[in-house]
Protein backbone atom coordinates (compact mmCIF):
# COMPACT_ATOMS: atom_id res chain seq x y z
CA UNK A 1 -7.90 -60.76 -58.37
CA UNK A 2 -7.09 -59.37 -55.15
CA UNK A 3 -4.89 -61.34 -52.85
CA UNK A 4 -6.72 -62.90 -49.96
CA UNK A 5 -6.14 -61.25 -46.60
CA UNK A 6 -5.04 -63.56 -43.74
CA UNK A 7 -6.74 -63.14 -40.28
CA UNK A 8 -3.60 -61.80 -39.23
CA UNK A 9 -3.88 -58.93 -41.75
CA UNK A 10 -7.38 -58.07 -41.03
CA UNK A 11 -6.55 -57.84 -37.36
CA UNK A 12 -3.69 -55.50 -37.89
CA UNK A 13 -5.81 -53.34 -40.09
CA UNK A 14 -8.67 -53.19 -37.52
CA UNK A 15 -5.94 -52.45 -34.81
CA UNK A 16 -4.71 -49.62 -37.13
CA UNK A 17 -8.16 -48.31 -37.71
CA UNK A 18 -9.06 -48.34 -34.01
CA UNK A 19 -5.82 -46.83 -33.21
CA UNK A 20 -6.36 -43.93 -35.68
CA UNK A 21 -9.60 -43.36 -33.97
CA UNK A 22 -7.94 -43.35 -30.66
CA UNK A 23 -5.57 -40.72 -31.47
CA UNK A 24 -7.85 -38.45 -33.01
CA UNK A 25 -9.88 -38.85 -29.93
CA UNK A 26 -6.72 -38.06 -27.74
CA UNK A 27 -5.96 -35.11 -29.92
CA UNK A 28 -9.31 -33.64 -29.68
CA UNK A 29 -9.29 -34.51 -25.68
CA UNK A 30 -5.85 -32.47 -25.62
CA UNK A 31 -7.13 -29.63 -27.57
CA UNK A 32 -10.05 -29.32 -25.16
CA UNK A 33 -7.63 -29.57 -22.14
CA UNK A 34 -5.52 -26.90 -23.23
CA UNK A 35 -8.44 -24.65 -24.14
CA UNK A 36 -9.49 -25.16 -20.54
CA UNK A 37 -6.04 -24.76 -19.21
CA UNK A 38 -5.91 -21.05 -20.94
CA UNK A 39 -9.18 -20.20 -19.64
CA UNK A 40 -8.11 -21.24 -16.13
CA UNK A 41 -4.59 -19.35 -16.70
CA UNK A 42 -6.62 -16.30 -17.71
CA UNK A 43 -8.97 -16.49 -14.82
CA UNK A 44 -6.17 -16.78 -12.42
CA UNK A 45 -4.32 -13.88 -14.00
CA UNK A 46 -7.62 -11.91 -13.71
CA UNK A 47 -8.14 -12.82 -10.09
CA UNK A 48 -4.51 -11.79 -8.83
CA UNK A 49 -4.89 -8.60 -10.65
CA UNK A 50 -8.14 -7.91 -8.85
CA UNK A 51 -6.31 -8.79 -5.57
CA UNK A 52 -3.41 -6.65 -6.07
CA UNK A 53 -5.78 -3.73 -7.17
CA UNK A 54 -7.71 -4.12 -3.89
CA UNK A 55 -4.72 -3.93 -1.85
CA UNK A 56 -3.29 -1.03 -3.66
CA UNK A 57 -6.33 0.86 -2.89
CA UNK A 58 -6.12 -0.08 0.68
CA UNK A 59 -2.33 1.05 0.83
CA UNK A 60 -3.50 4.39 -1.05
CA UNK A 61 -6.11 5.01 1.76
CA UNK A 62 -3.41 4.08 4.40
CA UNK A 63 -0.91 6.65 3.24
CA UNK A 64 -3.78 9.35 2.84
CA UNK A 65 -4.90 8.75 6.41
CA UNK A 66 -1.41 8.65 7.81
CA UNK A 67 -0.31 11.85 6.20
CA UNK A 68 -3.65 13.58 7.27
CA UNK A 69 -2.95 12.23 10.97
CA UNK A 70 0.71 13.43 10.56
CA UNK A 71 -0.66 17.15 9.74
CA UNK A 72 -3.09 17.12 12.92
CA UNK A 73 -0.24 16.02 15.04
CA UNK A 74 1.97 18.77 13.72
CA UNK A 75 -0.62 21.36 14.25
CA UNK A 76 -1.08 20.31 17.87
CA UNK A 77 2.70 19.94 18.38
CA UNK A 78 3.60 23.48 16.82
CA UNK A 79 0.71 24.99 19.26
CA UNK A 80 2.26 23.24 22.26
CA UNK A 81 5.76 24.52 21.24
CA UNK A 82 4.56 28.08 21.12
CA UNK A 83 2.83 27.73 24.44
CA UNK A 84 6.25 26.32 25.81
CA UNK A 85 8.15 29.16 24.28
CA UNK A 86 5.79 31.48 25.66
CA UNK A 87 6.26 30.11 29.35
CA UNK A 88 10.11 30.02 28.79
CA UNK A 89 10.21 33.53 27.13
CA UNK A 90 12.12 31.76 24.24
CA UNK A 91 9.79 32.85 21.50
CA UNK A 92 11.74 33.26 18.28
CA UNK A 93 14.92 31.43 19.54
CA UNK A 94 16.91 29.30 17.22
CA UNK A 95 16.00 25.96 18.95
CA UNK A 96 12.40 26.80 18.33
CA UNK A 97 12.89 27.99 14.76
CA UNK A 98 15.00 24.63 14.01
CA UNK A 99 12.25 22.63 15.37
CA UNK A 100 9.73 24.18 13.40
CA UNK A 101 11.62 23.76 10.20
CA UNK A 102 12.27 20.09 11.05
CA UNK A 103 8.46 19.56 11.32
CA UNK A 104 7.92 21.55 8.10
CA UNK A 105 10.41 19.15 6.35
CA UNK A 106 8.65 15.98 7.75
CA UNK A 107 5.17 17.50 6.27
CA UNK A 108 6.81 18.46 2.72
CA UNK A 109 7.98 15.06 2.54
CA UNK A 110 4.46 13.50 3.64
CA UNK A 111 2.82 16.01 1.19
CA UNK A 112 4.98 14.48 -1.57
CA UNK A 113 3.59 11.02 -0.61
CA UNK A 114 0.08 12.35 -0.52
CA UNK A 115 0.36 13.73 -4.08
CA UNK A 116 1.44 10.50 -5.33
CA UNK A 117 -1.28 8.51 -3.34
CA UNK A 118 -3.95 10.79 -4.59
CA UNK A 119 -2.80 10.51 -8.28
CA UNK A 120 -2.90 6.60 -7.92
CA UNK A 121 -6.35 6.89 -6.37
CA UNK A 122 -7.67 9.43 -9.06
CA UNK A 123 -6.37 7.37 -11.69
CA UNK A 124 -8.29 4.16 -10.41
CA UNK A 125 -9.61 3.29 -14.00
CA UNK A 126 -6.21 3.10 -15.36
CA UNK A 127 -5.19 0.34 -12.89
CA UNK A 128 -7.49 -2.15 -14.94
CA UNK A 129 -4.88 -2.04 -17.84
CA UNK A 130 -1.96 -1.69 -15.74
CA UNK A 131 0.27 -4.90 -15.60
CA UNK A 132 0.67 -6.98 -12.41
CA UNK A 133 4.16 -6.23 -12.20
CA UNK A 134 3.60 -2.57 -12.24
CA UNK A 135 0.96 -2.86 -9.79
CA UNK A 136 3.17 -4.93 -7.48
CA UNK A 137 5.90 -2.17 -7.59
CA UNK A 138 3.20 0.63 -6.95
CA UNK A 139 2.12 -1.57 -3.96
CA UNK A 140 5.61 -1.86 -2.44
CA UNK A 141 6.00 1.84 -2.86
CA UNK A 142 2.67 2.72 -1.11
CA UNK A 143 3.55 0.25 1.71
CA UNK A 144 6.95 1.88 2.13
CA UNK A 145 5.32 5.11 2.02
CA UNK A 146 2.57 4.21 4.57
CA UNK A 147 5.24 3.01 7.00
CA UNK A 148 7.37 6.08 6.86
CA UNK A 149 4.11 8.39 7.51
CA UNK A 150 3.49 6.01 10.36
CA UNK A 151 7.00 6.73 11.60
CA UNK A 152 6.70 10.59 11.45
CA UNK A 153 3.45 10.40 13.10
CA UNK A 154 4.76 8.50 16.16
CA UNK A 155 7.70 11.01 16.16
CA UNK A 156 5.14 13.99 16.27
CA UNK A 157 3.29 12.20 18.60
CA UNK A 158 6.32 11.71 21.13
CA UNK A 159 7.24 15.55 20.56
CA UNK A 160 3.72 16.31 21.47
CA UNK A 161 3.54 14.56 24.52
CA UNK A 162 6.68 16.07 25.74
CA UNK A 163 5.66 19.43 24.76
CA UNK A 164 2.19 18.82 26.43
CA UNK A 165 3.97 17.69 29.73
CA UNK A 166 6.26 20.77 29.83
CA UNK A 167 3.49 23.05 29.38
CA UNK A 168 1.49 21.23 32.17
CA UNK A 169 4.55 21.65 34.49
CA UNK A 170 4.70 25.29 33.60
CA UNK A 171 1.19 25.60 34.18
CA UNK A 172 1.01 24.01 37.63
CA UNK A 173 4.12 25.84 38.64
CA UNK A 174 2.49 29.28 37.56
CA UNK A 175 -0.82 28.19 39.40
CA UNK A 176 1.00 27.55 42.45
CA UNK A 177 3.00 30.78 42.74
CA UNK A 178 -0.15 32.85 42.05
CA UNK A 179 -2.36 30.91 44.49
CA UNK A 180 0.26 31.01 47.43
CA UNK A 181 -0.17 33.60 50.11
CA UNK A 182 1.79 36.60 49.84
CA UNK A 183 2.37 35.92 46.21
């Protein structure tokens, strides 16, 4: 015959059953919470990847546009430089050759930046599988390239303005000499 259970034993067993059910419910809730946390983490990583990719594409276009701008400024500057040399009869002198070589060196460096930016642009589909860390490194490099290209553009623009001012002064002097009576 089974021993009789006291009311304290029944209460303890009932509490143990309720506790086991509560523990199982807590474990289930923790499992679902962890699942949601993993989903949220994956979504966050994907969103960060899209954001960096978008910034990277913008930086690529920035580099490409600054390099194109530098080439246009260089062409204008070299044209103005040739005009200055004609006015001063210094065509082919060492100073002009050195200035042209400096501009060419700038453009060669910028062309290397253009090649790298174009490679990233042309391989856009590969960016989807590139890690966030690698994208961040590329983004930093492109920001540096864009800043450097912008500095070159500013330098070329200053040179262009200076050469244009010299040419205006030479033209004005030439016009004054030819329009003066007895000239």
